[in-house]
Amino acid sequence: MATLIDCTENNGLFFKYIVSFNAILEYYAAHIPFIVNLLTPITVFITTVFVTSRLAQRTEIVAILSSGISFLRFLRPYLMAGMCIVVFSFLLTGWGLAKANLKRIAFETEYNLSGGWRSQSKYLHIRIAPEQYLYVERYRPYNNTGTNVMIETIRDHRLVEKLSAYKMVWLGNSQQWRLEGWLRRKIDGLEETITHGKELDMLLNIHPSDFSINPRLHEVLTLPELNTHIQSLKEKGADSVHIILVEKYVRYMSPFATLILIFMGVVIAARKTRGGMGLQIGVGFVLAFVYIAFFLFARGIAEAKGTALLLTVWTPNIVFSMLSVVLYRLIPK
């Protein structure tokens, strides 16, 4: 259903760019695993509520517990199935989706679908070291050159060096940058030293690929590649490293959400109520949407605030785990 809705929304763009039928099929072949992984926790939760509420309304759970089987033993098949889903979801999120997302994002970029991105090439401000900042007015990726360049070194909130140049050019053989028409100012208290020249070769902690800023890069990286990328950003002192860290923590958190929601679903639906299955399923839907809203809110706070990332990202799971335990203690066993 989600794929059908997405196809309907993008139908106009497909006709506009004259996208072939085979290209559309390949795109949705890569899009379906992404949707499946995204909706798995909520789908499993609603399914658990539906199945368990049917057992409860037919008094089958009462018969099971009356035969001497404990409620924890009744829960065991649910939790075993949940652990299988957790392992599958973790492998899919950590490794399997990277290749599919690469095709999906490339297609969205090529045909300007929602979620596509465009490389930023003007007025770039990049932190290339803990105390060093690079400004480039315009960068041209086709020949790896930038114009009106400025490198500032700031130590203890004071500007100690400023290097400006008319142009910077990438030297692929030596893995260095050549600054043309450069002027360097070194500031030591009230003293200032100025030097200049035509060409200056420098080894900077930045690669031409870093100028192609893709805010969705983390989606096409496997978990080991994501860890490597995070380490690279930390070495550069990048200000946006916390956003990538949030993605890493979410990849660990989201699979376990399935197990927590399965446990909650059983606890909610195990009691026979006068409202019947409809009431229990309705409560399940409400809790599912509350969880989604809570997760999106926690992720937004983590990306914006940049502190206590692990605790903030895991807060929805922690809160729903505590709520599940409280509900478990309240149900008759």
Protein backbone atom coordinates (compact mmCIF):
# COMPACT_ATOMS: atom_id res chain seq x y z
CA MET A 1 0.00 0.00 0.00
CA ALA A 2 2.80 2.43 0.90
CA THR A 3 4.55 1.65 -2.40
CA LEU A 4 1.32 2.20 -4.34
CA ILE A 5 0.78 5.58 -2.65
CA ASP A 6 4.38 6.61 -3.38
CA CYS A 7 4.04 5.56 -7.03
CA THR A 8 0.84 7.60 -7.36
CA GLU A 9 2.49 10.69 -5.87
CA ASN A 10 5.50 10.45 -8.21
CA ASN A 11 3.55 9.49 -11.31
CA GLY A 12 3.70 13.04 -12.70
CA LEU A 13 7.49 13.18 -12.37
CA PHE A 14 7.83 9.82 -14.11
CA PHE A 15 5.97 11.21 -17.13
CA LYS A 16 7.85 14.52 -16.96
CA TYR A 17 11.29 12.90 -17.14
CA ILE A 18 10.12 10.01 -19.38
CA VAL A 19 11.38 7.34 -16.97
CA SER A 20 11.44 3.83 -18.42
CA PHE A 21 9.25 1.11 -16.93
CA ASN A 22 12.30 -1.03 -16.07
CA ALA A 23 13.93 1.90 -14.21
CA ILE A 24 10.74 2.37 -12.17
CA LEU A 25 10.64 -1.35 -11.32
CA GLU A 26 14.28 -1.28 -10.20
CA TYR A 27 13.59 1.78 -8.06
CA TYR A 28 10.66 0.19 -6.25
CA ALA A 29 12.56 -3.08 -5.89
CA ALA A 30 15.05 -1.03 -3.82
CA HIS A 31 12.28 1.05 -2.20
CA ILE A 32 10.25 -1.89 -0.83
CA PRO A 33 12.96 -3.16 1.61
CA PHE A 34 13.27 0.38 2.97
CA ILE A 35 9.50 0.61 3.57
CA VAL A 36 9.35 -2.90 5.06
CA ASN A 37 12.12 -2.12 7.54
CA LEU A 38 10.52 1.21 8.42
CA LEU A 39 7.07 -0.24 9.13
CA THR A 40 8.13 -3.57 10.67
CA PRO A 41 7.86 -2.57 14.39
CA ILE A 42 4.40 -1.03 14.01
CA THR A 43 3.11 -3.79 11.72
CA VAL A 44 4.30 -6.50 14.11
CA PHE A 45 2.75 -4.64 17.05
CA ILE A 46 -0.68 -4.36 15.41
CA THR A 47 -0.50 -8.01 14.32
CA THR A 48 0.36 -9.08 17.86
CA VAL A 49 -2.58 -7.14 19.29
CA PHE A 50 -4.95 -8.60 16.68
CA VAL A 51 -3.90 -12.25 17.18
CA THR A 52 -3.77 -12.05 20.99
CA SER A 53 -7.12 -10.26 21.26
CA ARG A 54 -8.77 -13.01 19.18
CA LEU A 55 -7.38 -15.61 21.59
CA ALA A 56 -8.59 -13.55 24.55
CA GLN A 57 -12.13 -13.04 23.21
CA ARG A 58 -12.48 -16.79 22.60
CA THR A 59 -11.34 -17.42 26.21
CA GLU A 60 -8.44 -19.49 24.94
CA ILE A 61 -5.90 -17.60 27.05
CA VAL A 62 -7.93 -18.33 30.20
CA ALA A 63 -7.93 -22.02 29.28
CA ILE A 64 -4.17 -21.98 28.69
CA LEU A 65 -3.45 -20.34 32.04
CA SER A 66 -5.95 -22.60 33.85
CA SER A 67 -4.08 -25.67 32.61
CA GLY A 68 -1.08 -24.64 34.71
CA ILE A 69 0.94 -22.87 32.02
CA SER A 70 2.43 -19.63 33.33
CA PHE A 71 1.96 -16.33 31.55
CA LEU A 72 5.70 -16.11 30.90
CA ARG A 73 5.53 -19.54 29.21
CA PHE A 74 2.62 -18.20 27.13
CA LEU A 75 4.81 -15.25 26.16
CA ARG A 76 7.75 -17.42 25.06
CA PRO A 77 6.66 -18.04 21.41
CA TYR A 78 5.99 -14.30 20.97
CA LEU A 79 9.41 -13.36 22.33
CA MET A 80 11.20 -16.03 20.27
CA ALA A 81 9.53 -14.77 17.11
CA GLY A 82 10.39 -11.23 18.20
CA MET A 83 14.08 -12.10 18.62
CA CYS A 84 14.15 -13.57 15.10
CA ILE A 85 12.68 -10.33 13.76
CA VAL A 86 15.18 -8.29 15.81
CA VAL A 87 18.15 -10.17 14.33
CA PHE A 88 16.76 -9.91 10.78
CA SER A 89 15.99 -6.22 11.21
CA PHE A 90 19.45 -5.48 12.64
CA LEU A 91 21.20 -7.24 9.74
CA LEU A 92 18.95 -5.47 7.26
CA THR A 93 19.46 -2.05 8.84
CA GLY A 94 23.19 -2.45 9.39
CA TRP A 95 24.16 -4.02 6.08
CA GLY A 96 21.36 -5.06 3.73
CA LEU A 97 19.72 -1.69 3.13
CA ALA A 98 22.91 0.17 2.18
CA LYS A 99 23.08 -1.21 -1.37
CA ALA A 100 19.33 -0.82 -1.92
CA ASN A 101 19.40 2.73 -0.56
CA LEU A 102 22.23 3.60 -2.94
CA LYS A 103 20.02 2.75 -5.93
CA ARG A 104 16.96 4.39 -4.36
CA ILE A 105 18.67 7.69 -3.52
CA ALA A 106 20.47 7.79 -6.88
CA PHE A 107 17.09 7.45 -8.63
CA GLU A 108 15.48 10.13 -6.44
CA THR A 109 18.39 12.46 -7.14
CA GLU A 110 18.36 11.83 -10.89
CA TYR A 111 14.64 12.49 -11.29
CA ASN A 112 14.24 15.07 -8.51
CA LEU A 113 11.84 13.00 -6.41
CA SER A 114 11.05 14.00 -2.84
CA GLY A 115 14.06 13.31 -0.70
CA GLY A 116 16.58 13.88 -3.48
CA TRP A 117 19.56 16.14 -2.81
CA ARG A 118 21.69 18.55 -4.73
CA SER A 119 25.38 19.10 -4.17
CA GLN A 120 26.12 22.45 -2.58
CA SER A 121 28.90 24.28 -4.43
CA LYS A 122 28.58 27.92 -3.30
CA TYR A 123 29.49 29.65 -0.04
CA LEU A 124 30.85 26.57 1.70
CA HIS A 125 31.95 26.72 5.34
CA ILE A 126 33.71 23.55 6.48
CA ARG A 127 35.53 22.74 9.68
CA ILE A 128 38.61 20.77 8.57
CA ALA A 129 40.35 20.52 11.96
CA PRO A 130 39.47 21.27 15.59
CA GLU A 131 41.00 24.77 15.25
CA GLN A 132 40.85 25.26 11.48
CA TYR A 133 37.99 26.45 9.27
CA LEU A 134 37.78 26.59 5.47
CA TYR A 135 35.61 28.97 3.46
CA VAL A 136 35.15 28.56 -0.32
CA GLU A 137 32.99 30.98 -2.27
CA ARG A 138 32.47 28.64 -5.23
CA TYR A 139 33.61 25.06 -5.81
CA ARG A 140 33.55 23.38 -9.24
CA PRO A 141 33.51 19.57 -8.89
CA TYR A 142 34.19 18.89 -12.58
CA ASN A 143 37.80 20.16 -12.26
CA ASN A 144 38.20 20.11 -8.44
CA THR A 145 38.91 23.81 -8.08
CA GLY A 146 37.63 26.43 -5.67
CA THR A 147 37.78 30.20 -5.86
CA ASN A 148 38.07 32.91 -3.21
CA VAL A 149 39.40 30.59 -0.53
CA MET A 150 40.06 31.44 3.10
CA ILE A 151 41.52 29.23 5.86
CA GLU A 152 41.27 30.55 9.42
CA THR A 153 43.00 29.12 12.48
CA ILE A 154 41.24 30.02 15.72
CA ARG A 155 42.81 29.13 19.06
CA ASP A 156 41.26 29.96 22.43
CA HIS A 157 38.56 32.00 20.66
CA ARG A 158 41.22 34.18 18.99
CA LEU A 159 42.22 34.37 15.33
CA VAL A 160 45.91 33.44 15.12
CA GLU A 161 46.29 32.84 11.38
CA LYS A 162 44.38 33.70 8.22
CA LEU A 163 45.37 32.29 4.84
CA SER A 164 43.50 33.55 1.77
CA ALA A 165 43.93 32.60 -1.89
CA TYR A 166 42.31 33.36 -5.22
CA LYS A 167 42.09 29.69 -6.17
CA MET A 168 42.64 26.20 -4.73
CA VAL A 169 43.31 23.21 -7.01
CA TRP A 170 43.38 19.51 -6.09
CA LEU A 171 46.64 17.72 -6.95
CA GLY A 172 45.60 14.10 -7.30
CA ASN A 173 49.10 12.65 -7.52
CA SER A 174 50.36 14.14 -4.27
CA GLN A 175 46.94 14.25 -2.55
CA GLN A 176 47.54 17.94 -1.75
CA TRP A 177 45.87 21.27 -2.51
CA ARG A 178 47.64 24.04 -4.42
CA LEU A 179 46.75 27.59 -3.38
CA GLU A 180 47.27 30.19 -6.11
CA GLY A 181 47.66 33.90 -5.36
CA TRP A 182 47.90 33.35 -1.62
CA LEU A 183 48.30 35.78 1.28
CA ARG A 184 49.04 34.65 4.84
CA ARG A 185 48.59 36.73 7.97
CA LYS A 186 49.96 35.46 11.29
CA ILE A 187 48.77 37.28 14.38
CA ASP A 188 50.68 37.13 17.66
CA GLY A 189 49.13 39.54 20.12
CA LEU A 190 49.63 43.02 18.68
CA GLU A 191 52.17 41.83 16.12
CA GLU A 192 51.20 40.70 12.64
CA THR A 193 53.33 38.98 9.99
CA ILE A 194 52.23 39.03 6.35
CA THR A 195 53.63 36.76 3.64
CA HIS A 196 52.41 36.11 0.11
CA GLY A 197 53.25 34.20 -3.05
CA LYS A 198 52.00 32.76 -6.33
CA GLU A 199 51.66 29.08 -5.41
CA LEU A 200 51.59 27.12 -2.15
CA ASP A 201 51.09 23.36 -1.87
CA MET A 202 49.36 22.28 1.35
CA LEU A 203 48.16 19.03 2.88
CA LEU A 204 44.64 19.75 4.15
CA ASN A 205 42.35 17.35 5.97
CA ILE A 206 39.72 17.50 3.22
CA HIS A 207 39.09 15.57 0.00
CA PRO A 208 37.24 16.71 -3.15
CA SER A 209 34.45 14.28 -2.29
CA ASP A 210 33.86 16.24 0.94
CA PHE A 211 32.64 19.22 -1.08
CA SER A 212 29.75 17.18 -2.43
CA ILE A 213 27.66 17.52 0.70
CA ASN A 214 25.04 14.78 0.78
CA PRO A 215 22.80 14.99 3.85
CA ARG A 216 21.63 11.42 3.14
CA LEU A 217 25.10 9.88 2.93
CA HIS A 218 24.55 7.85 6.10
CA GLU A 219 21.69 5.96 4.44
CA VAL A 220 24.01 4.33 1.90
CA LEU A 221 26.67 3.27 4.42
CA THR A 222 26.85 -0.07 6.16
CA LEU A 223 27.38 -0.07 9.91
CA PRO A 224 31.19 -0.54 9.68
CA GLU A 225 31.36 2.18 7.00
CA LEU A 226 29.25 4.43 9.22
CA ASN A 227 31.69 3.94 12.10
CA THR A 228 34.60 4.82 9.79
CA HIS A 229 32.78 7.93 8.59
CA ILE A 230 32.08 9.02 12.17
CA GLN A 231 35.75 8.59 13.09
CA SER A 232 36.76 10.66 10.06
CA LEU A 233 34.37 13.46 11.06
CA LYS A 234 35.69 13.41 14.63
CA GLU A 235 39.27 13.75 13.39
CA LYS A 236 38.22 16.77 11.35
CA GLY A 237 36.31 18.22 14.29
CA ALA A 238 33.15 18.46 12.17
CA ASP A 239 30.20 20.13 13.86
CA SER A 240 27.68 17.73 12.25
CA VAL A 241 29.15 14.52 13.66
CA HIS A 242 26.32 14.24 16.22
CA ILE A 243 23.77 13.82 13.40
CA ILE A 244 25.64 10.78 12.09
CA LEU A 245 25.96 9.45 15.65
CA VAL A 246 22.19 9.69 16.01
CA GLU A 247 21.81 7.53 12.88
CA LYS A 248 24.18 4.95 14.38
CA TYR A 249 22.25 4.79 17.67
CA VAL A 250 18.93 4.54 15.81
CA ARG A 251 20.23 1.50 13.92
CA TYR A 252 20.80 -0.24 17.24
CA MET A 253 17.62 1.04 18.84
CA SER A 254 15.01 0.39 16.14
CA PRO A 255 15.34 -3.44 15.98
CA PHE A 256 14.76 -3.76 19.73
CA ALA A 257 11.63 -1.62 19.38
CA THR A 258 10.01 -4.65 17.73
CA LEU A 259 10.62 -6.85 20.77
CA ILE A 260 9.32 -4.20 23.18
CA LEU A 261 6.19 -3.57 21.13
CA ILE A 262 5.48 -7.31 20.86
CA PHE A 263 5.63 -7.64 24.64
CA MET A 264 3.37 -4.62 25.07
CA GLY A 265 0.95 -5.92 22.43
CA VAL A 266 0.52 -9.23 24.25
CA VAL A 267 0.04 -7.53 27.60
CA ILE A 268 -2.59 -5.12 26.21
CA ALA A 269 -4.60 -7.74 24.34
CA ALA A 270 -4.36 -10.70 26.75
CA ARG A 271 -7.31 -9.60 28.89
CA LYS A 272 -10.84 -10.24 27.68
CA THR A 273 -12.83 -6.98 27.65
CA ARG A 274 -16.45 -6.05 27.08
CA GLY A 275 -15.43 -3.76 24.25
CA GLY A 276 -14.23 -6.78 22.30
CA MET A 277 -11.44 -6.89 19.75
CA GLY A 278 -12.29 -3.47 18.34
CA LEU A 279 -11.39 -1.67 21.55
CA GLN A 280 -8.11 -3.52 21.97
CA ILE A 281 -7.08 -2.98 18.35
CA GLY A 282 -8.02 0.69 18.68
CA VAL A 283 -5.83 1.04 21.77
CA GLY A 284 -3.05 -0.72 19.85
CA PHE A 285 -3.27 1.79 16.99
CA VAL A 286 -3.21 4.73 19.40
CA LEU A 287 -0.14 3.40 21.20
CA ALA A 288 1.56 2.68 17.87
CA PHE A 289 1.11 6.27 16.70
CA VAL A 290 2.19 7.59 20.11
CA TYR A 291 5.39 5.55 19.81
CA ILE A 292 6.08 6.88 16.29
CA ALA A 293 5.52 10.47 17.42
CA PHE A 294 7.68 9.92 20.51
CA PHE A 295 10.49 8.41 18.42
CA LEU A 296 10.45 11.24 15.85
CA PHE A 297 10.37 13.82 18.65
CA ALA A 298 13.33 12.19 20.47
CA ARG A 299 15.34 11.92 17.26
CA GLY A 300 14.66 15.56 16.40
CA ILE A 301 15.80 16.68 19.85
CA ALA A 302 18.99 14.60 19.59
CA GLU A 303 19.88 16.02 16.17
CA ALA A 304 19.15 19.59 17.24
CA LYS A 305 20.61 19.55 20.75
CA GLY A 306 23.64 17.33 20.11
CA THR A 307 24.07 16.19 23.73
CA ALA A 308 23.16 12.98 25.59
CA LEU A 309 22.51 11.39 22.21
CA LEU A 310 22.35 7.75 23.30
CA LEU A 311 19.93 8.41 26.16
CA THR A 312 17.73 10.70 24.04
CA VAL A 313 17.46 8.22 21.16
CA TRP A 314 16.71 5.29 23.48
CA THR A 315 14.15 7.22 25.56
CA PRO A 316 11.09 5.90 23.60
CA ASN A 317 12.23 2.30 24.12
CA ILE A 318 12.96 2.92 27.81
CA VAL A 319 9.58 4.57 28.45
CA PHE A 320 7.60 1.92 26.57
CA SER A 321 9.55 -0.85 28.33
CA MET A 322 8.61 0.59 31.72
CA LEU A 323 4.98 1.00 30.60
CA SER A 324 4.94 -2.64 29.43
CA VAL A 325 6.23 -3.85 32.80
CA VAL A 326 3.54 -1.84 34.63
CA LEU A 327 0.79 -3.26 32.38
CA TYR A 328 2.20 -6.77 32.83
CA ARG A 329 1.92 -6.50 36.61
CA LEU A 330 -1.71 -5.36 36.32
CA ILE A 331 -3.08 -8.16 34.13
CA PRO A 332 -4.50 -11.33 35.74
CA LYS A 333 -2.24 -14.34 35.37
